Amino acid sequence: TNYADSVKGRFAISRGNARNTVHLQM
């Protein structure tokens, strides 16, 4: 994973089991 400095510690990115999905928890 890679994050912008402005969102580190607040946002989390993940991929779904299907690998064709991506989520951003903000």
mmCIF file of all heavy atoms, coordinates in Angstrom:
data_MODEL
# 
_entry.id   MODEL 
# 
loop_
_atom_site.group_PDB 
_atom_site.id 
_atom_site.type_symbol 
_atom_site.label_atom_id 
_atom_site.label_alt_id 
_atom_site.label_comp_id 
_atom_site.label_asym_id 
_atom_site.label_entity_id 
_atom_site.label_seq_id 
_atom_site.pdbx_PDB_ins_code 
_atom_site.Cartn_x 
_atom_site.Cartn_y 
_atom_site.Cartn_z 
_atom_site.occupancy 
_atom_site.B_iso_or_equiv 
_atom_site.pdbx_formal_charge 
_atom_site.auth_seq_id 
_atom_site.auth_comp_id 
_atom_site.auth_asym_id 
_atom_site.auth_atom_id 
_atom_site.pdbx_PDB_model_num 
ATOM 1   N N   . THR A 1 1  ? 0.819   -1.211  0.000   1.00 0.00 ? 1  THR A N   1 
ATOM 2   C CA  . THR A 1 1  ? 0.000   0.000   0.000   1.00 0.00 ? 1  THR A CA  1 
ATOM 3   C C   . THR A 1 1  ? 0.854   1.263   0.000   1.00 0.00 ? 1  THR A C   1 
ATOM 4   O O   . THR A 1 1  ? 2.017   1.255   0.419   1.00 0.00 ? 1  THR A O   1 
ATOM 5   C CB  . THR A 1 1  ? -0.925  0.031   1.225   1.00 0.00 ? 1  THR A CB  1 
ATOM 6   O OG1 . THR A 1 1  ? -0.137  -0.057  2.412   1.00 0.00 ? 1  THR A OG1 1 
ATOM 7   C CG2 . THR A 1 1  ? -1.915  -1.122  1.193   1.00 0.00 ? 1  THR A CG2 1 
ATOM 8   N N   . ASN A 1 2  ? 0.260   2.334   -0.479  1.00 0.00 ? 2  ASN A N   1 
ATOM 9   C CA  . ASN A 1 2  ? 0.905   3.634   -0.527  1.00 0.00 ? 2  ASN A CA  1 
ATOM 10  C C   . ASN A 1 2  ? -0.163  4.687   -0.236  1.00 0.00 ? 2  ASN A C   1 
ATOM 11  O O   . ASN A 1 2  ? -1.273  4.605   -0.780  1.00 0.00 ? 2  ASN A O   1 
ATOM 12  C CB  . ASN A 1 2  ? 1.525   3.861   -1.906  1.00 0.00 ? 2  ASN A CB  1 
ATOM 13  C CG  . ASN A 1 2  ? 2.240   5.196   -2.006  1.00 0.00 ? 2  ASN A CG  1 
ATOM 14  O OD1 . ASN A 1 2  ? 2.859   5.644   -1.055  1.00 0.00 ? 2  ASN A OD1 1 
ATOM 15  N ND2 . ASN A 1 2  ? 2.150   5.831   -3.168  1.00 0.00 ? 2  ASN A ND2 1 
ATOM 16  N N   . TYR A 1 3  ? 0.167   5.652   0.632   1.00 0.00 ? 3  TYR A N   1 
ATOM 17  C CA  . TYR A 1 3  ? -0.792  6.671   1.028   1.00 0.00 ? 3  TYR A CA  1 
ATOM 18  C C   . TYR A 1 3  ? -0.207  8.071   0.864   1.00 0.00 ? 3  TYR A C   1 
ATOM 19  O O   . TYR A 1 3  ? 0.989   8.278   1.078   1.00 0.00 ? 3  TYR A O   1 
ATOM 20  C CB  . TYR A 1 3  ? -1.193  6.508   2.496   1.00 0.00 ? 3  TYR A CB  1 
ATOM 21  C CG  . TYR A 1 3  ? -1.958  5.251   2.802   1.00 0.00 ? 3  TYR A CG  1 
ATOM 22  C CD1 . TYR A 1 3  ? -1.303  4.094   3.207   1.00 0.00 ? 3  TYR A CD1 1 
ATOM 23  C CD2 . TYR A 1 3  ? -3.344  5.217   2.694   1.00 0.00 ? 3  TYR A CD2 1 
ATOM 24  C CE1 . TYR A 1 3  ? -2.008  2.926   3.490   1.00 0.00 ? 3  TYR A CE1 1 
ATOM 25  C CE2 . TYR A 1 3  ? -4.064  4.065   2.985   1.00 0.00 ? 3  TYR A CE2 1 
ATOM 26  C CZ  . TYR A 1 3  ? -3.381  2.928   3.373   1.00 0.00 ? 3  TYR A CZ  1 
ATOM 27  O OH  . TYR A 1 3  ? -4.084  1.785   3.661   1.00 0.00 ? 3  TYR A OH  1 
ATOM 28  N N   . ALA A 1 4  ? -1.071  9.021   0.552   1.00 0.00 ? 4  ALA A N   1 
ATOM 29  C CA  . ALA A 1 4  ? -0.672  10.418  0.626   1.00 0.00 ? 4  ALA A CA  1 
ATOM 30  C C   . ALA A 1 4  ? -0.417  10.766  2.093   1.00 0.00 ? 4  ALA A C   1 
ATOM 31  O O   . ALA A 1 4  ? -1.101  10.255  2.984   1.00 0.00 ? 4  ALA A O   1 
ATOM 32  C CB  . ALA A 1 4  ? -1.778  11.306  0.068   1.00 0.00 ? 4  ALA A CB  1 
ATOM 33  N N   . ASP A 1 5  ? 0.547   11.625  2.336   1.00 0.00 ? 5  ASP A N   1 
ATOM 34  C CA  . ASP A 1 5  ? 0.880   12.001  3.716   1.00 0.00 ? 5  ASP A CA  1 
ATOM 35  C C   . ASP A 1 5  ? -0.333  12.567  4.443   1.00 0.00 ? 5  ASP A C   1 
ATOM 36  O O   . ASP A 1 5  ? -0.495  12.359  5.652   1.00 0.00 ? 5  ASP A O   1 
ATOM 37  C CB  . ASP A 1 5  ? 2.010   13.029  3.729   1.00 0.00 ? 5  ASP A CB  1 
ATOM 38  C CG  . ASP A 1 5  ? 3.351   12.423  3.367   1.00 0.00 ? 5  ASP A CG  1 
ATOM 39  O OD1 . ASP A 1 5  ? 3.487   11.176  3.433   1.00 0.00 ? 5  ASP A OD1 1 
ATOM 40  O OD2 . ASP A 1 5  ? 4.267   13.178  3.012   1.00 0.00 ? 5  ASP A OD2 1 
ATOM 41  N N   . SER A 1 6  ? -1.186  13.269  3.713   1.00 0.00 ? 6  SER A N   1 
ATOM 42  C CA  . SER A 1 6  ? -2.316  13.948  4.333   1.00 0.00 ? 6  SER A CA  1 
ATOM 43  C C   . SER A 1 6  ? -3.381  12.994  4.870   1.00 0.00 ? 6  SER A C   1 
ATOM 44  O O   . SER A 1 6  ? -4.232  13.398  5.668   1.00 0.00 ? 6  SER A O   1 
ATOM 45  C CB  . SER A 1 6  ? -2.965  14.913  3.341   1.00 0.00 ? 6  SER A CB  1 
ATOM 46  O OG  . SER A 1 6  ? -3.427  14.219  2.200   1.00 0.00 ? 6  SER A OG  1 
ATOM 47  N N   . VAL A 1 7  ? -3.343  11.728  4.447   1.00 0.00 ? 7  VAL A N   1 
ATOM 48  C CA  . VAL A 1 7  ? -4.375  10.783  4.886   1.00 0.00 ? 7  VAL A CA  1 
ATOM 49  C C   . VAL A 1 7  ? -3.818  9.639   5.728   1.00 0.00 ? 7  VAL A C   1 
ATOM 50  O O   . VAL A 1 7  ? -4.586  8.806   6.220   1.00 0.00 ? 7  VAL A O   1 
ATOM 51  C CB  . VAL A 1 7  ? -5.169  10.214  3.696   1.00 0.00 ? 7  VAL A CB  1 
ATOM 52  C CG1 . VAL A 1 7  ? -5.720  11.335  2.829   1.00 0.00 ? 7  VAL A CG1 1 
ATOM 53  C CG2 . VAL A 1 7  ? -4.330  9.262   2.867   1.00 0.00 ? 7  VAL A CG2 1 
ATOM 54  N N   . LYS A 1 8  ? -2.506  9.578   5.880   1.00 0.00 ? 8  LYS A N   1 
ATOM 55  C CA  . LYS A 1 8  ? -1.908  8.488   6.666   1.00 0.00 ? 8  LYS A CA  1 
ATOM 56  C C   . LYS A 1 8  ? -2.460  8.486   8.088   1.00 0.00 ? 8  LYS A C   1 
ATOM 57  O O   . LYS A 1 8  ? -2.565  9.527   8.727   1.00 0.00 ? 8  LYS A O   1 
ATOM 58  C CB  . LYS A 1 8  ? -0.384  8.640   6.693   1.00 0.00 ? 8  LYS A CB  1 
ATOM 59  C CG  . LYS A 1 8  ? 0.293   8.246   5.398   1.00 0.00 ? 8  LYS A CG  1 
ATOM 60  C CD  . LYS A 1 8  ? 1.809   8.415   5.487   1.00 0.00 ? 8  LYS A CD  1 
ATOM 61  C CE  . LYS A 1 8  ? 2.487   8.019   4.182   1.00 0.00 ? 8  LYS A CE  1 
ATOM 62  N NZ  . LYS A 1 8  ? 3.935   8.251   4.220   1.00 0.00 ? 8  LYS A NZ  1 
ATOM 63  N N   . GLY A 1 9  ? -2.812  7.297   8.534   1.00 0.00 ? 9  GLY A N   1 
ATOM 64  C CA  . GLY A 1 9  ? -3.365  7.153   9.869   1.00 0.00 ? 9  GLY A CA  1 
ATOM 65  C C   . GLY A 1 9  ? -4.859  7.367   9.941   1.00 0.00 ? 9  GLY A C   1 
ATOM 66  O O   . GLY A 1 9  ? -5.487  7.082   10.977  1.00 0.00 ? 9  GLY A O   1 
ATOM 67  N N   . ARG A 1 10 ? -5.467  7.877   8.885   1.00 0.00 ? 10 ARG A N   1 
ATOM 68  C CA  . ARG A 1 10 ? -6.920  8.111   8.863   1.00 0.00 ? 10 ARG A CA  1 
ATOM 69  C C   . ARG A 1 10 ? -7.627  7.234   7.839   1.00 0.00 ? 10 ARG A C   1 
ATOM 70  O O   . ARG A 1 10 ? -8.762  6.820   8.063   1.00 0.00 ? 10 ARG A O   1 
ATOM 71  C CB  . ARG A 1 10 ? -7.212  9.585   8.551   1.00 0.00 ? 10 ARG A CB  1 
ATOM 72  C CG  . ARG A 1 10 ? -6.637  10.564  9.561   1.00 0.00 ? 10 ARG A CG  1 
ATOM 73  C CD  . ARG A 1 10 ? -7.135  11.982  9.297   1.00 0.00 ? 10 ARG A CD  1 
ATOM 74  N NE  . ARG A 1 10 ? -6.712  12.501  8.003   1.00 0.00 ? 10 ARG A NE  1 
ATOM 75  C CZ  . ARG A 1 10 ? -7.542  12.950  7.062   1.00 0.00 ? 10 ARG A CZ  1 
ATOM 76  N NH1 . ARG A 1 10 ? -8.849  12.949  7.270   1.00 0.00 ? 10 ARG A NH1 1 
ATOM 77  N NH2 . ARG A 1 10 ? -7.065  13.416  5.910   1.00 0.00 ? 10 ARG A NH2 1 
ATOM 78  N N   . PHE A 1 11 ? -6.986  6.999   6.706   1.00 0.00 ? 11 PHE A N   1 
ATOM 79  C CA  . PHE A 1 11 ? -7.589  6.225   5.617   1.00 0.00 ? 11 PHE A CA  1 
ATOM 80  C C   . PHE A 1 11 ? -6.913  4.861   5.529   1.00 0.00 ? 11 PHE A C   1 
ATOM 81  O O   . PHE A 1 11 ? -5.723  4.719   5.825   1.00 0.00 ? 11 PHE A O   1 
ATOM 82  C CB  . PHE A 1 11 ? -7.422  6.935   4.280   1.00 0.00 ? 11 PHE A CB  1 
ATOM 83  C CG  . PHE A 1 11 ? -8.209  8.214   4.129   1.00 0.00 ? 11 PHE A CG  1 
ATOM 84  C CD1 . PHE A 1 11 ? -8.877  8.808   5.194   1.00 0.00 ? 11 PHE A CD1 1 
ATOM 85  C CD2 . PHE A 1 11 ? -8.285  8.827   2.881   1.00 0.00 ? 11 PHE A CD2 1 
ATOM 86  C CE1 . PHE A 1 11 ? -9.594  9.979   5.031   1.00 0.00 ? 11 PHE A CE1 1 
ATOM 87  C CE2 . PHE A 1 11 ? -8.998  9.998   2.703   1.00 0.00 ? 11 PHE A CE2 1 
ATOM 88  C CZ  . PHE A 1 11 ? -9.644  10.580  3.785   1.00 0.00 ? 11 PHE A CZ  1 
ATOM 89  N N   . ALA A 1 12 ? -7.669  3.872   5.067   1.00 0.00 ? 12 ALA A N   1 
ATOM 90  C CA  . ALA A 1 12 ? -7.125  2.531   4.853   1.00 0.00 ? 12 ALA A CA  1 
ATOM 91  C C   . ALA A 1 12 ? -7.677  1.964   3.556   1.00 0.00 ? 12 ALA A C   1 
ATOM 92  O O   . ALA A 1 12 ? -8.897  1.943   3.357   1.00 0.00 ? 12 ALA A O   1 
ATOM 93  C CB  . ALA A 1 12 ? -7.470  1.619   6.018   1.00 0.00 ? 12 ALA A CB  1 
ATOM 94  N N   . ILE A 1 13 ? -6.776  1.509   2.695   1.00 0.00 ? 13 ILE A N   1 
ATOM 95  C CA  . ILE A 1 13 ? -7.185  0.933   1.418   1.00 0.00 ? 13 ILE A CA  1 
ATOM 96  C C   . ILE A 1 13 ? -7.051  -0.582  1.498   1.00 0.00 ? 13 ILE A C   1 
ATOM 97  O O   . ILE A 1 13 ? -6.138  -1.109  2.143   1.00 0.00 ? 13 ILE A O   1 
ATOM 98  C CB  . ILE A 1 13 ? -6.342  1.501   0.253   1.00 0.00 ? 13 ILE A CB  1 
ATOM 99  C CG1 . ILE A 1 13 ? -6.950  1.111   -1.088  1.00 0.00 ? 13 ILE A CG1 1 
ATOM 100 C CG2 . ILE A 1 13 ? -4.872  1.075   0.352   1.00 0.00 ? 13 ILE A CG2 1 
ATOM 101 C CD1 . ILE A 1 13 ? -6.348  1.868   -2.264  1.00 0.00 ? 13 ILE A CD1 1 
ATOM 102 N N   . SER A 1 14 ? -7.960  -1.285  0.843   1.00 0.00 ? 14 SER A N   1 
ATOM 103 C CA  . SER A 1 14 ? -7.913  -2.747  0.832   1.00 0.00 ? 14 SER A CA  1 
ATOM 104 C C   . SER A 1 14 ? -8.523  -3.252  -0.462  1.00 0.00 ? 14 SER A C   1 
ATOM 105 O O   . SER A 1 14 ? -9.329  -2.570  -1.094  1.00 0.00 ? 14 SER A O   1 
ATOM 106 C CB  . SER A 1 14 ? -8.653  -3.315  2.041   1.00 0.00 ? 14 SER A CB  1 
ATOM 107 O OG  . SER A 1 14 ? -10.022 -2.933  2.019   1.00 0.00 ? 14 SER A OG  1 
ATOM 108 N N   . ARG A 1 15 ? -8.132  -4.474  -0.817  1.00 0.00 ? 15 ARG A N   1 
ATOM 109 C CA  . ARG A 1 15 ? -8.714  -5.117  -1.987  1.00 0.00 ? 15 ARG A CA  1 
ATOM 110 C C   . ARG A 1 15 ? -9.613  -6.251  -1.508  1.00 0.00 ? 15 ARG A C   1 
ATOM 111 O O   . ARG A 1 15 ? -9.318  -6.936  -0.532  1.00 0.00 ? 15 ARG A O   1 
ATOM 112 C CB  . ARG A 1 15 ? -7.629  -5.657  -2.918  1.00 0.00 ? 15 ARG A CB  1 
ATOM 113 C CG  . ARG A 1 15 ? -6.804  -4.567  -3.527  1.00 0.00 ? 15 ARG A CG  1 
ATOM 114 C CD  . ARG A 1 15 ? -5.761  -5.084  -4.477  1.00 0.00 ? 15 ARG A CD  1 
ATOM 115 N NE  . ARG A 1 15 ? -6.298  -5.485  -5.766  1.00 0.00 ? 15 ARG A NE  1 
ATOM 116 C CZ  . ARG A 1 15 ? -5.680  -5.299  -6.918  1.00 0.00 ? 15 ARG A CZ  1 
ATOM 117 N NH1 . ARG A 1 15 ? -4.499  -4.720  -6.925  1.00 0.00 ? 15 ARG A NH1 1 
ATOM 118 N NH2 . ARG A 1 15 ? -6.217  -5.718  -8.047  1.00 0.00 ? 15 ARG A NH2 1 
ATOM 119 N N   . GLY A 1 16 ? -10.682 -6.458  -2.243  1.00 0.00 ? 16 GLY A N   1 
ATOM 120 C CA  . GLY A 1 16 ? -11.587 -7.526  -1.893  1.00 0.00 ? 16 GLY A CA  1 
ATOM 121 C C   . GLY A 1 16 ? -11.040 -8.876  -2.310  1.00 0.00 ? 16 GLY A C   1 
ATOM 122 O O   . GLY A 1 16 ? -10.072 -8.974  -3.067  1.00 0.00 ? 16 GLY A O   1 
ATOM 123 N N   . ASN A 1 17 ? -11.672 -9.922  -1.806  1.00 0.00 ? 17 ASN A N   1 
ATOM 124 C CA  . ASN A 1 17 ? -11.246 -11.276 -2.143  1.00 0.00 ? 17 ASN A CA  1 
ATOM 125 C C   . ASN A 1 17 ? -11.327 -11.543 -3.638  1.00 0.00 ? 17 ASN A C   1 
ATOM 126 O O   . ASN A 1 17 ? -10.568 -12.353 -4.171  1.00 0.00 ? 17 ASN A O   1 
ATOM 127 C CB  . ASN A 1 17 ? -12.096 -12.290 -1.386  1.00 0.00 ? 17 ASN A CB  1 
ATOM 128 C CG  . ASN A 1 17 ? -11.815 -12.267 0.106   1.00 0.00 ? 17 ASN A CG  1 
ATOM 129 O OD1 . ASN A 1 17 ? -10.716 -11.889 0.525   1.00 0.00 ? 17 ASN A OD1 1 
ATOM 130 N ND2 . ASN A 1 17 ? -12.793 -12.647 0.897   1.00 0.00 ? 17 ASN A ND2 1 
ATOM 131 N N   . ALA A 1 18 ? -12.229 -10.877 -4.303  1.00 0.00 ? 18 ALA A N   1 
ATOM 132 C CA  . ALA A 1 18 ? -12.395 -11.070 -5.742  1.00 0.00 ? 18 ALA A CA  1 
ATOM 133 C C   . ALA A 1 18 ? -11.284 -10.400 -6.534  1.00 0.00 ? 18 ALA A C   1 
ATOM 134 O O   . ALA A 1 18 ? -11.197 -10.597 -7.748  1.00 0.00 ? 18 ALA A O   1 
ATOM 135 C CB  . ALA A 1 18 ? -13.750 -10.506 -6.181  1.00 0.00 ? 18 ALA A CB  1 
ATOM 136 N N   . ARG A 1 19 ? -10.427 -9.618  -5.864  1.00 0.00 ? 19 ARG A N   1 
ATOM 137 C CA  . ARG A 1 19 ? -9.273  -8.942  -6.468  1.00 0.00 ? 19 ARG A CA  1 
ATOM 138 C C   . ARG A 1 19 ? -9.662  -7.847  -7.449  1.00 0.00 ? 19 ARG A C   1 
ATOM 139 O O   . ARG A 1 19 ? -8.808  -7.069  -7.849  1.00 0.00 ? 19 ARG A O   1 
ATOM 140 C CB  . ARG A 1 19 ? -8.335  -9.948  -7.182  1.00 0.00 ? 19 ARG A CB  1 
ATOM 141 C CG  . ARG A 1 19 ? -7.926  -11.129 -6.348  1.00 0.00 ? 19 ARG A CG  1 
ATOM 142 C CD  . ARG A 1 19 ? -7.291  -10.700 -5.059  1.00 0.00 ? 19 ARG A CD  1 
ATOM 143 N NE  . ARG A 1 19 ? -6.034  -10.012 -5.254  1.00 0.00 ? 19 ARG A NE  1 
ATOM 144 C CZ  . ARG A 1 19 ? -5.400  -9.349  -4.307  1.00 0.00 ? 19 ARG A CZ  1 
ATOM 145 N NH1 . ARG A 1 19 ? -5.918  -9.247  -3.101  1.00 0.00 ? 19 ARG A NH1 1 
ATOM 146 N NH2 . ARG A 1 19 ? -4.242  -8.765  -4.561  1.00 0.00 ? 19 ARG A NH2 1 
ATOM 147 N N   . ASN A 1 20 ? -10.899 -7.820  -7.880  1.00 0.00 ? 20 ASN A N   1 
ATOM 148 C CA  . ASN A 1 20 ? -11.351 -6.774  -8.791  1.00 0.00 ? 20 ASN A CA  1 
ATOM 149 C C   . ASN A 1 20 ? -12.112 -5.678  -8.066  1.00 0.00 ? 20 ASN A C   1 
ATOM 150 O O   . ASN A 1 20 ? -12.796 -4.876  -8.702  1.00 0.00 ? 20 ASN A O   1 
ATOM 151 C CB  . ASN A 1 20 ? -12.232 -7.364  -9.892  1.00 0.00 ? 20 ASN A CB  1 
ATOM 152 C CG  . ASN A 1 20 ? -11.412 -7.846  -11.061 1.00 0.00 ? 20 ASN A CG  1 
ATOM 153 O OD1 . ASN A 1 20 ? -10.235 -8.185  -10.898 1.00 0.00 ? 20 ASN A OD1 1 
ATOM 154 N ND2 . ASN A 1 20 ? -12.012 -7.884  -12.232 1.00 0.00 ? 20 ASN A ND2 1 
ATOM 155 N N   . THR A 1 21 ? -12.033 -5.691  -6.740  1.00 0.00 ? 21 THR A N   1 
ATOM 156 C CA  . THR A 1 21 ? -12.665 -4.642  -5.969  1.00 0.00 ? 21 THR A CA  1 
ATOM 157 C C   . THR A 1 21 ? -11.628 -3.965  -5.081  1.00 0.00 ? 21 THR A C   1 
ATOM 158 O O   . THR A 1 21 ? -10.650 -4.592  -4.658  1.00 0.00 ? 21 THR A O   1 
ATOM 159 C CB  . THR A 1 21 ? -13.796 -5.194  -5.076  1.00 0.00 ? 21 THR A CB  1 
ATOM 160 O OG1 . THR A 1 21 ? -13.247 -6.202  -4.203  1.00 0.00 ? 21 THR A OG1 1 
ATOM 161 C CG2 . THR A 1 21 ? -14.892 -5.809  -5.910  1.00 0.00 ? 21 THR A CG2 1 
ATOM 162 N N   . VAL A 1 22 ? -11.860 -2.693  -4.820  1.00 0.00 ? 22 VAL A N   1 
ATOM 163 C CA  . VAL A 1 22 ? -10.983 -1.951  -3.921  1.00 0.00 ? 22 VAL A CA  1 
ATOM 164 C C   . VAL A 1 22 ? -11.852 -1.058  -3.052  1.00 0.00 ? 22 VAL A C   1 
ATOM 165 O O   . VAL A 1 22 ? -12.852 -0.505  -3.514  1.00 0.00 ? 22 VAL A O   1 
ATOM 166 C CB  . VAL A 1 22 ? -9.923  -1.135  -4.705  1.00 0.00 ? 22 VAL A CB  1 
ATOM 167 C CG1 . VAL A 1 22 ? -10.571 -0.062  -5.567  1.00 0.00 ? 22 VAL A CG1 1 
ATOM 168 C CG2 . VAL A 1 22 ? -8.893  -0.529  -3.773  1.00 0.00 ? 22 VAL A CG2 1 
ATOM 169 N N   . HIS A 1 23 ? -11.473 -0.974  -1.784  1.00 0.00 ? 23 HIS A N   1 
ATOM 170 C CA  . HIS A 1 23 ? -12.230 -0.191  -0.822  1.00 0.00 ? 23 HIS A CA  1 
ATOM 171 C C   . HIS A 1 23 ? -11.322 0.854   -0.184  1.00 0.00 ? 23 HIS A C   1 
ATOM 172 O O   . HIS A 1 23 ? -10.120 0.630   -0.026  1.00 0.00 ? 23 HIS A O   1 
ATOM 173 C CB  . HIS A 1 23 ? -12.795 -1.096  0.281   1.00 0.00 ? 23 HIS A CB  1 
ATOM 174 C CG  . HIS A 1 23 ? -13.548 -2.273  -0.245  1.00 0.00 ? 23 HIS A CG  1 
ATOM 175 N ND1 . HIS A 1 23 ? -14.825 -2.183  -0.776  1.00 0.00 ? 23 HIS A ND1 1 
ATOM 176 C CD2 . HIS A 1 23 ? -13.194 -3.585  -0.353  1.00 0.00 ? 23 HIS A CD2 1 
ATOM 177 C CE1 . HIS A 1 23 ? -15.221 -3.368  -1.163  1.00 0.00 ? 23 HIS A CE1 1 
ATOM 178 N NE2 . HIS A 1 23 ? -14.260 -4.245  -0.926  1.00 0.00 ? 23 HIS A NE2 1 
ATOM 179 N N   . LEU A 1 24 ? -11.922 1.969   0.184   1.00 0.00 ? 24 LEU A N   1 
ATOM 180 C CA  . LEU A 1 24 ? -11.195 3.005   0.901   1.00 0.00 ? 24 LEU A CA  1 
ATOM 181 C C   . LEU A 1 24 ? -12.008 3.376   2.137   1.00 0.00 ? 24 LEU A C   1 
ATOM 182 O O   . LEU A 1 24 ? -13.071 3.991   2.021   1.00 0.00 ? 24 LEU A O   1 
ATOM 183 C CB  . LEU A 1 24 ? -10.972 4.236   0.025   1.00 0.00 ? 24 LEU A CB  1 
ATOM 184 C CG  . LEU A 1 24 ? -10.116 5.334   0.658   1.00 0.00 ? 24 LEU A CG  1 
ATOM 185 C CD1 . LEU A 1 24 ? -8.666  4.852   0.831   1.00 0.00 ? 24 LEU A CD1 1 
ATOM 186 C CD2 . LEU A 1 24 ? -10.146 6.604   -0.190  1.00 0.00 ? 24 LEU A CD2 1 
ATOM 187 N N   . GLN A 1 25 ? -11.516 2.967   3.297   1.00 0.00 ? 25 GLN A N   1 
ATOM 188 C CA  . GLN A 1 25 ? -12.151 3.337   4.557   1.00 0.00 ? 25 GLN A CA  1 
ATOM 189 C C   . GLN A 1 25 ? -11.581 4.667   4.998   1.00 0.00 ? 25 GLN A C   1 
ATOM 190 O O   . GLN A 1 25 ? -10.359 4.785   5.192   1.00 0.00 ? 25 GLN A O   1 
ATOM 191 C CB  . GLN A 1 25 ? -11.900 2.269   5.625   1.00 0.00 ? 25 GLN A CB  1 
ATOM 192 C CG  . GLN A 1 25 ? -12.502 2.592   6.980   1.00 0.00 ? 25 GLN A CG  1 
ATOM 193 C CD  . GLN A 1 25 ? -14.013 2.612   6.961   1.00 0.00 ? 25 GLN A CD  1 
ATOM 194 O OE1 . GLN A 1 25 ? -14.644 1.757   6.353   1.00 0.00 ? 25 GLN A OE1 1 
ATOM 195 N NE2 . GLN A 1 25 ? -14.596 3.611   7.621   1.00 0.00 ? 25 GLN A NE2 1 
ATOM 196 N N   . MET A 1 26 ? -12.436 5.660   5.143   1.00 0.00 ? 26 MET A N   1 
ATOM 197 C CA  . MET A 1 26 ? -12.000 7.010   5.485   1.00 0.00 ? 26 MET A CA  1 
ATOM 198 C C   . MET A 1 26 ? -12.562 7.377   6.859   1.00 0.00 ? 26 MET A C   1 
ATOM 199 O O   . MET A 1 26 ? -13.777 7.480   7.023   1.00 0.00 ? 26 MET A O   1 
ATOM 200 C CB  . MET A 1 26 ? -12.474 8.008   4.423   1.00 0.00 ? 26 MET A CB  1 
ATOM 201 C CG  . MET A 1 26 ? -12.019 7.650   3.023   1.00 0.00 ? 26 MET A CG  1 
ATOM 202 S SD  . MET A 1 26 ? -12.436 8.909   1.786   1.00 0.00 ? 26 MET A SD  1 
ATOM 203 C CE  . MET A 1 26 ? -14.223 8.808   1.791   1.00 0.00 ? 26 MET A CE  1 
# 
